[in-house]
């Protein structure tokens, strides 16, 4: 297990290096960053002076190596707009995004797991059709459209819930529902298909033949074996819950790091954008490693050698 974790951590470091290089190189691939950062109509001599001041006139490889050297020491650059540490600015918004992502994950599990189980147990019934309809709706509705509809219905017309906020659970509810819609659809469909396959195995029929209660057969034997592909999908969906928060936070004016990233793009604040991308990648890599470890907890037959 420990050797596997070391290998996964080493792989994660290479992934982060690749992400950092791509985020750094894309700034130069889109054109002259000095001209892009300055207002339109800036004289060429001022652009050249700014380019030298920011060190943008040097070779991209040299600039990247210097960036990595500073990043290892915890210096990810200064925000061009806020004049503070770019990473500190992103980390300040991280807790709000993590809370929203956790709320979205909780709603996903509370809705998708029961729906997937019921759809598999009552296959081809009205419950199955209703569950598949909910899954189809979740996968096809764009998050921004659903967010706008939720605001119009529950905040503007009914006035049951606030549009957004971080002081109470009501403020998290609408953004979390909009964020969880796509993972609910994906997880429901996968869990249903996985459970249908598991329920057709011989050991399930044997358990029923021995007189085990249906609840024990479903929850202890069938669900446990059907969770492996669901956990694999969940690792992808957690990445979506973190990355997809960019759209949801923007629509709800939620004070998370996704909204900060959109503002940084509008302001051409490249150091904040780089810090946001790198932190997102680190979170997703860490979550995937954690979920890989949970495989052995779900199924003791799985061992990492």
Protein backbone atom coordinates (compact mmCIF):
# COMPACT_ATOMS: atom_id res chain seq x y z
CA UNK A 1 0.00 0.00 0.00
CA UNK A 2 2.72 2.48 0.97
CA UNK A 3 4.73 1.85 -2.19
CA UNK A 4 1.56 2.44 -4.21
CA UNK A 5 0.90 5.73 -2.41
CA UNK A 6 4.45 6.90 -3.06
CA UNK A 7 4.06 6.10 -6.76
CA UNK A 8 0.72 7.91 -6.88
CA UNK A 9 2.18 10.95 -5.14
CA UNK A 10 5.11 11.01 -7.57
CA UNK A 11 2.67 10.75 -10.46
CA UNK A 12 0.67 13.61 -8.94
CA UNK A 13 3.77 15.80 -8.82
CA UNK A 14 4.39 15.22 -12.54
CA UNK A 15 0.74 16.04 -13.27
CA UNK A 16 1.04 19.32 -11.38
CA UNK A 17 4.25 20.16 -13.24
CA UNK A 18 2.46 19.52 -16.54
CA UNK A 19 -0.51 21.66 -15.51
CA UNK A 20 1.76 24.48 -14.37
CA UNK A 21 3.66 24.43 -17.66
CA UNK A 22 0.48 24.44 -19.76
CA UNK A 23 -1.09 27.27 -17.77
CA UNK A 24 2.18 29.21 -18.07
CA UNK A 25 2.64 28.53 -21.80
CA UNK A 26 -0.95 29.33 -22.79
CA UNK A 27 -0.40 32.93 -21.77
CA UNK A 28 2.26 33.26 -24.45
CA UNK A 29 0.40 31.16 -27.03
CA UNK A 30 -2.50 33.64 -27.03
CA UNK A 31 -0.25 36.51 -28.09
CA UNK A 32 1.97 39.11 -26.50
CA UNK A 33 1.07 39.08 -22.77
CA UNK A 34 2.52 42.55 -22.24
CA UNK A 35 0.25 44.07 -24.89
CA UNK A 36 -2.73 42.10 -23.54
CA UNK A 37 -2.22 43.31 -19.98
CA UNK A 38 -2.02 46.98 -20.93
CA UNK A 39 -4.94 49.12 -22.15
CA UNK A 40 -5.63 49.45 -25.86
CA UNK A 41 -3.72 52.26 -27.51
CA UNK A 42 -0.72 52.04 -25.19
CA UNK A 43 2.36 53.39 -27.02
CA UNK A 44 4.88 50.74 -28.15
CA UNK A 45 7.68 52.19 -26.00
CA UNK A 46 5.54 51.82 -22.86
CA UNK A 47 4.66 48.26 -23.84
CA UNK A 48 8.34 47.45 -24.25
CA UNK A 49 9.18 49.06 -20.91
CA UNK A 50 6.42 47.05 -19.21
CA UNK A 51 7.63 43.85 -20.90
CA UNK A 52 11.13 44.34 -19.50
CA UNK A 53 9.79 45.32 -16.06
CA UNK A 54 7.73 42.11 -15.84
CA UNK A 55 10.51 39.96 -17.30
CA UNK A 56 8.39 38.97 -20.28
CA UNK A 57 11.16 39.70 -22.77
CA UNK A 58 13.17 36.63 -21.74
CA UNK A 59 12.94 33.09 -23.10
CA UNK A 60 9.79 31.27 -22.00
CA UNK A 61 11.80 28.32 -20.66
CA UNK A 62 13.85 30.63 -18.45
CA UNK A 63 10.71 32.36 -17.20
CA UNK A 64 9.05 29.02 -16.43
CA UNK A 65 12.04 27.70 -14.49
CA UNK A 66 12.11 30.90 -12.45
CA UNK A 67 8.37 30.55 -11.84
CA UNK A 68 8.79 26.97 -10.60
CA UNK A 69 11.70 28.00 -8.40
CA UNK A 70 9.59 30.70 -6.76
CA UNK A 71 6.56 28.39 -6.51
CA UNK A 72 8.57 25.76 -4.60
CA UNK A 73 9.29 28.49 -2.04
CA UNK A 74 5.60 29.40 -1.86
CA UNK A 75 5.79 32.49 -4.08
CA UNK A 76 3.27 32.24 -6.92
CA UNK A 77 3.49 35.87 -7.91
CA UNK A 78 1.61 39.03 -7.03
CA UNK A 79 -1.86 39.84 -8.27
CA UNK A 80 -1.61 42.56 -10.89
CA UNK A 81 -4.94 44.04 -9.78
CA UNK A 82 -5.06 43.54 -6.01
CA UNK A 83 -1.31 43.90 -5.35
CA UNK A 84 -1.26 40.98 -2.91
CA UNK A 85 -0.04 37.39 -3.17
CA UNK A 86 -1.99 35.64 -5.92
CA UNK A 87 -2.09 32.27 -4.16
CA UNK A 88 -3.13 33.88 -0.87
CA UNK A 89 -5.99 35.56 -2.71
CA UNK A 90 -7.15 32.23 -4.14
CA UNK A 91 -6.72 30.41 -0.81
CA UNK A 92 -8.86 33.06 0.87
CA UNK A 93 -11.77 32.03 -1.38
CA UNK A 94 -11.05 28.29 -1.16
CA UNK A 95 -13.13 27.54 1.99
CA UNK A 96 -16.30 28.95 0.40
CA UNK A 97 -15.79 26.80 -2.71
CA UNK A 98 -15.07 23.68 -0.64
CA UNK A 99 -18.23 24.20 1.41
CA UNK A 100 -20.26 24.60 -1.77
CA UNK A 101 -18.64 21.51 -3.28
CA UNK A 102 -19.29 19.51 -0.11
CA UNK A 103 -22.94 20.59 -0.15
CA UNK A 104 -23.20 19.58 -3.82
CA UNK A 105 -21.59 16.22 -3.06
CA UNK A 106 -23.99 15.60 -0.16
CA UNK A 107 -27.00 16.35 -2.36
CA UNK A 108 -25.56 14.12 -5.09
CA UNK A 109 -25.19 11.15 -2.74
CA UNK A 110 -28.53 11.70 -1.01
CA UNK A 111 -30.37 11.74 -4.34
CA UNK A 112 -28.35 9.53 -6.70
CA UNK A 113 -27.71 6.52 -4.45
CA UNK A 114 -31.37 5.91 -3.47
CA UNK A 115 -32.51 6.60 -7.04
CA UNK A 116 -29.96 4.20 -8.51
CA UNK A 117 -30.84 1.48 -5.99
CA UNK A 118 -34.60 1.82 -6.48
CA UNK A 119 -34.26 1.89 -10.26
CA UNK A 120 -32.24 -1.36 -10.20
CA UNK A 121 -34.40 -3.18 -7.67
CA UNK A 122 -37.64 -2.19 -9.44
CA UNK A 123 -36.26 -2.52 -12.95
CA UNK A 124 -38.63 -1.59 -15.80
CA UNK A 125 -41.23 -0.28 -13.35
CA UNK A 126 -42.61 3.24 -13.05
CA UNK A 127 -39.99 3.92 -10.34
CA UNK A 128 -37.24 2.91 -12.78
CA UNK A 129 -38.61 5.15 -15.51
CA UNK A 130 -38.95 8.09 -13.12
CA UNK A 131 -35.37 7.63 -11.88
CA UNK A 132 -34.03 7.48 -15.44
CA UNK A 133 -36.00 10.62 -16.31
CA UNK A 134 -34.44 12.46 -13.37
CA UNK A 135 -30.99 11.24 -14.47
CA UNK A 136 -31.62 12.37 -18.04
CA UNK A 137 -32.78 15.78 -16.85
CA UNK A 138 -29.70 16.18 -14.66
CA UNK A 139 -27.28 15.27 -17.45
CA UNK A 140 -28.88 17.41 -20.16
CA UNK A 141 -29.74 20.63 -18.30
CA UNK A 142 -26.88 23.17 -18.39
CA UNK A 143 -25.89 24.27 -14.90
CA UNK A 144 -26.16 27.98 -15.74
CA UNK A 145 -29.72 27.55 -17.09
CA UNK A 146 -30.81 25.52 -14.07
CA UNK A 147 -29.24 28.11 -11.76
CA UNK A 148 -31.21 30.92 -13.42
CA UNK A 149 -34.45 28.90 -13.21
CA UNK A 150 -33.87 28.17 -9.51
CA UNK A 151 -33.31 31.87 -8.84
CA UNK A 152 -36.47 32.87 -10.73
CA UNK A 153 -38.67 30.25 -9.07
CA UNK A 154 -37.46 30.02 -5.46
CA UNK A 155 -35.90 33.45 -4.90
CA UNK A 156 -37.76 35.92 -7.14
CA UNK A 157 -41.27 34.44 -7.37
CA UNK A 158 -41.73 32.32 -4.24
CA UNK A 159 -39.13 34.14 -2.09
CA UNK A 160 -38.44 30.96 -0.12
CA UNK A 161 -34.66 31.05 -0.36
CA UNK A 162 -31.98 33.72 -0.76
CA UNK A 163 -30.16 33.89 -4.07
CA UNK A 164 -26.82 33.22 -2.41
CA UNK A 165 -24.90 33.63 0.79
CA UNK A 166 -22.44 32.05 3.20
CA UNK A 167 -24.02 32.79 6.58
CA UNK A 168 -26.72 30.07 6.62
CA UNK A 169 -27.54 26.77 4.93
CA UNK A 170 -30.31 28.45 2.92
CA UNK A 171 -27.71 30.45 1.03
CA UNK A 172 -25.87 27.27 -0.03
CA UNK A 173 -28.96 25.35 -1.10
CA UNK A 174 -29.73 26.76 -4.55
CA UNK A 175 -26.08 26.89 -5.73
CA UNK A 176 -25.53 23.36 -4.41
CA UNK A 177 -28.59 22.01 -6.24
CA UNK A 178 -27.49 23.61 -9.51
CA UNK A 179 -23.97 22.24 -9.03
CA UNK A 180 -25.18 18.72 -8.18
CA UNK A 181 -27.56 18.29 -11.12
CA UNK A 182 -25.04 16.78 -13.55
CA UNK A 183 -23.34 14.44 -11.02
CA UNK A 184 -26.78 13.21 -9.89
CA UNK A 185 -27.65 12.18 -13.44
CA UNK A 186 -24.34 10.45 -14.12
CA UNK A 187 -24.12 8.63 -10.78
CA UNK A 188 -27.76 7.49 -10.89
CA UNK A 189 -27.38 5.92 -14.32
CA UNK A 190 -24.08 4.20 -13.51
CA UNK A 191 -25.22 2.88 -10.15
CA UNK A 192 -28.43 1.55 -11.69
CA UNK A 193 -26.62 -0.33 -14.46
CA UNK A 194 -24.01 -1.65 -12.02
CA UNK A 195 -26.66 -2.84 -9.57
CA UNK A 196 -28.69 -4.52 -12.33
CA UNK A 197 -25.59 -6.50 -13.32
CA UNK A 198 -24.70 -7.45 -9.75
CA UNK A 199 -28.25 -8.52 -8.91
CA UNK A 200 -28.10 -11.07 -11.73
CA UNK A 201 -25.10 -12.92 -10.23
CA UNK A 202 -25.38 -16.37 -8.70
CA UNK A 203 -24.30 -15.35 -5.18
CA UNK A 204 -27.25 -12.95 -4.98
CA UNK A 205 -29.66 -15.77 -5.84
CA UNK A 206 -27.87 -17.98 -3.32
CA UNK A 207 -28.30 -15.39 -0.58
CA UNK A 208 -31.98 -15.07 -1.33
CA UNK A 209 -32.31 -18.87 -1.44
CA UNK A 210 -30.80 -19.12 2.04
CA UNK A 211 -33.52 -16.84 3.33
CA UNK A 212 -31.49 -13.67 3.90
CA UNK A 213 -33.66 -10.55 4.22
CA UNK A 214 -33.88 -8.59 0.98
CA UNK A 215 -32.47 -5.53 2.73
CA UNK A 216 -29.31 -7.44 3.67
CA UNK A 217 -28.94 -8.87 0.16
CA UNK A 218 -29.29 -5.44 -1.44
CA UNK A 219 -27.29 -3.26 0.94
CA UNK A 220 -24.60 -5.59 2.26
CA UNK A 221 -23.88 -7.82 -0.72
CA UNK A 222 -25.10 -6.20 -3.94
CA UNK A 223 -24.43 -2.53 -3.20
CA UNK A 224 -20.92 -3.14 -1.90
CA UNK A 225 -19.87 -4.82 -5.15
CA UNK A 226 -21.65 -2.22 -7.28
CA UNK A 227 -19.86 0.67 -5.59
CA UNK A 228 -16.46 0.19 -7.27
CA UNK A 229 -17.42 1.72 -10.65
CA UNK A 230 -19.54 4.30 -8.81
CA UNK A 231 -16.54 5.42 -6.74
CA UNK A 232 -14.47 5.69 -9.93
CA UNK A 233 -17.11 7.96 -11.45
CA UNK A 234 -17.41 9.86 -8.20
CA UNK A 235 -13.73 10.82 -8.37
CA UNK A 236 -14.42 12.44 -11.74
CA UNK A 237 -17.61 14.10 -10.50
CA UNK A 238 -15.85 15.58 -7.48
CA UNK A 239 -13.46 17.23 -9.91
CA UNK A 240 -16.52 18.57 -11.71
CA UNK A 241 -18.00 19.83 -8.43
CA UNK A 242 -14.85 21.86 -7.85
CA UNK A 243 -14.29 23.00 -11.44
CA UNK A 244 -17.97 23.41 -12.30
CA UNK A 245 -18.34 25.85 -9.42
CA UNK A 246 -16.90 28.51 -11.74
CA UNK A 247 -20.20 28.79 -13.63
CA UNK A 248 -22.47 28.35 -10.62
CA UNK A 249 -20.55 30.83 -8.46
CA UNK A 250 -20.70 33.41 -11.23
CA UNK A 251 -24.47 33.08 -11.70
CA UNK A 252 -25.19 33.21 -7.96
CA UNK A 253 -22.51 35.84 -7.24
CA UNK A 254 -21.12 33.37 -4.71
CA UNK A 255 -17.83 34.50 -3.10
CA UNK A 256 -15.76 31.46 -4.04
CA UNK A 257 -12.55 31.02 -5.96
CA UNK A 258 -14.45 30.14 -9.16
CA UNK A 259 -15.94 33.62 -9.30
CA UNK A 260 -12.52 35.05 -8.47
CA UNK A 261 -11.09 33.19 -11.48
CA UNK A 262 -13.75 34.67 -13.79
CA UNK A 263 -12.95 38.13 -12.48
CA UNK A 264 -9.23 37.48 -12.96
CA UNK A 265 -9.83 36.49 -16.59
CA UNK A 266 -11.81 39.69 -17.16
CA UNK A 267 -9.05 41.72 -15.51
CA UNK A 268 -6.26 39.79 -17.28
CA UNK A 269 -4.76 38.99 -13.90
CA UNK A 270 -2.52 36.16 -15.08
CA UNK A 271 -0.89 35.33 -11.74
CA UNK A 272 -4.29 34.74 -10.11
CA UNK A 273 -5.39 32.59 -13.06
CA UNK A 274 -2.22 30.47 -12.80
CA UNK A 275 -2.65 30.07 -9.04
CA UNK A 276 -6.30 29.07 -9.46
CA UNK A 277 -5.51 26.46 -12.11
CA UNK A 278 -2.65 24.98 -10.10
CA UNK A 279 -4.70 24.80 -6.90
CA UNK A 280 -7.60 23.17 -8.77
CA UNK A 281 -5.25 20.56 -10.18
CA UNK A 282 -3.73 19.87 -6.74
CA UNK A 283 -7.19 19.37 -5.22
CA UNK A 284 -8.30 16.98 -7.96
CA UNK A 285 -5.06 14.96 -7.77
CA UNK A 286 -5.36 14.69 -3.98
CA UNK A 287 -9.02 13.66 -4.14
CA UNK A 288 -8.28 10.97 -6.73
CA UNK A 289 -5.50 9.51 -4.58
CA UNK A 290 -7.83 9.48 -1.57
CA UNK A 291 -10.59 7.73 -3.50
CA UNK A 292 -8.15 5.16 -4.86
CA UNK A 293 -7.33 4.21 -1.29
CA UNK A 294 -11.03 3.77 -0.47
CA UNK A 295 -11.26 0.94 -3.03
CA UNK A 296 -9.59 -1.46 -0.62
CA UNK A 297 -11.96 -0.38 2.15
CA UNK A 298 -14.99 -1.13 -0.05
CA UNK A 299 -13.64 -4.43 -1.37
CA UNK A 300 -10.97 -6.16 0.78
CA UNK A 301 -9.99 -8.30 -2.21
CA UNK A 302 -8.35 -5.24 -3.78
CA UNK A 303 -4.73 -4.83 -2.79
CA UNK A 304 -2.17 -2.37 -4.12
CA UNK A 305 1.20 -3.93 -4.68
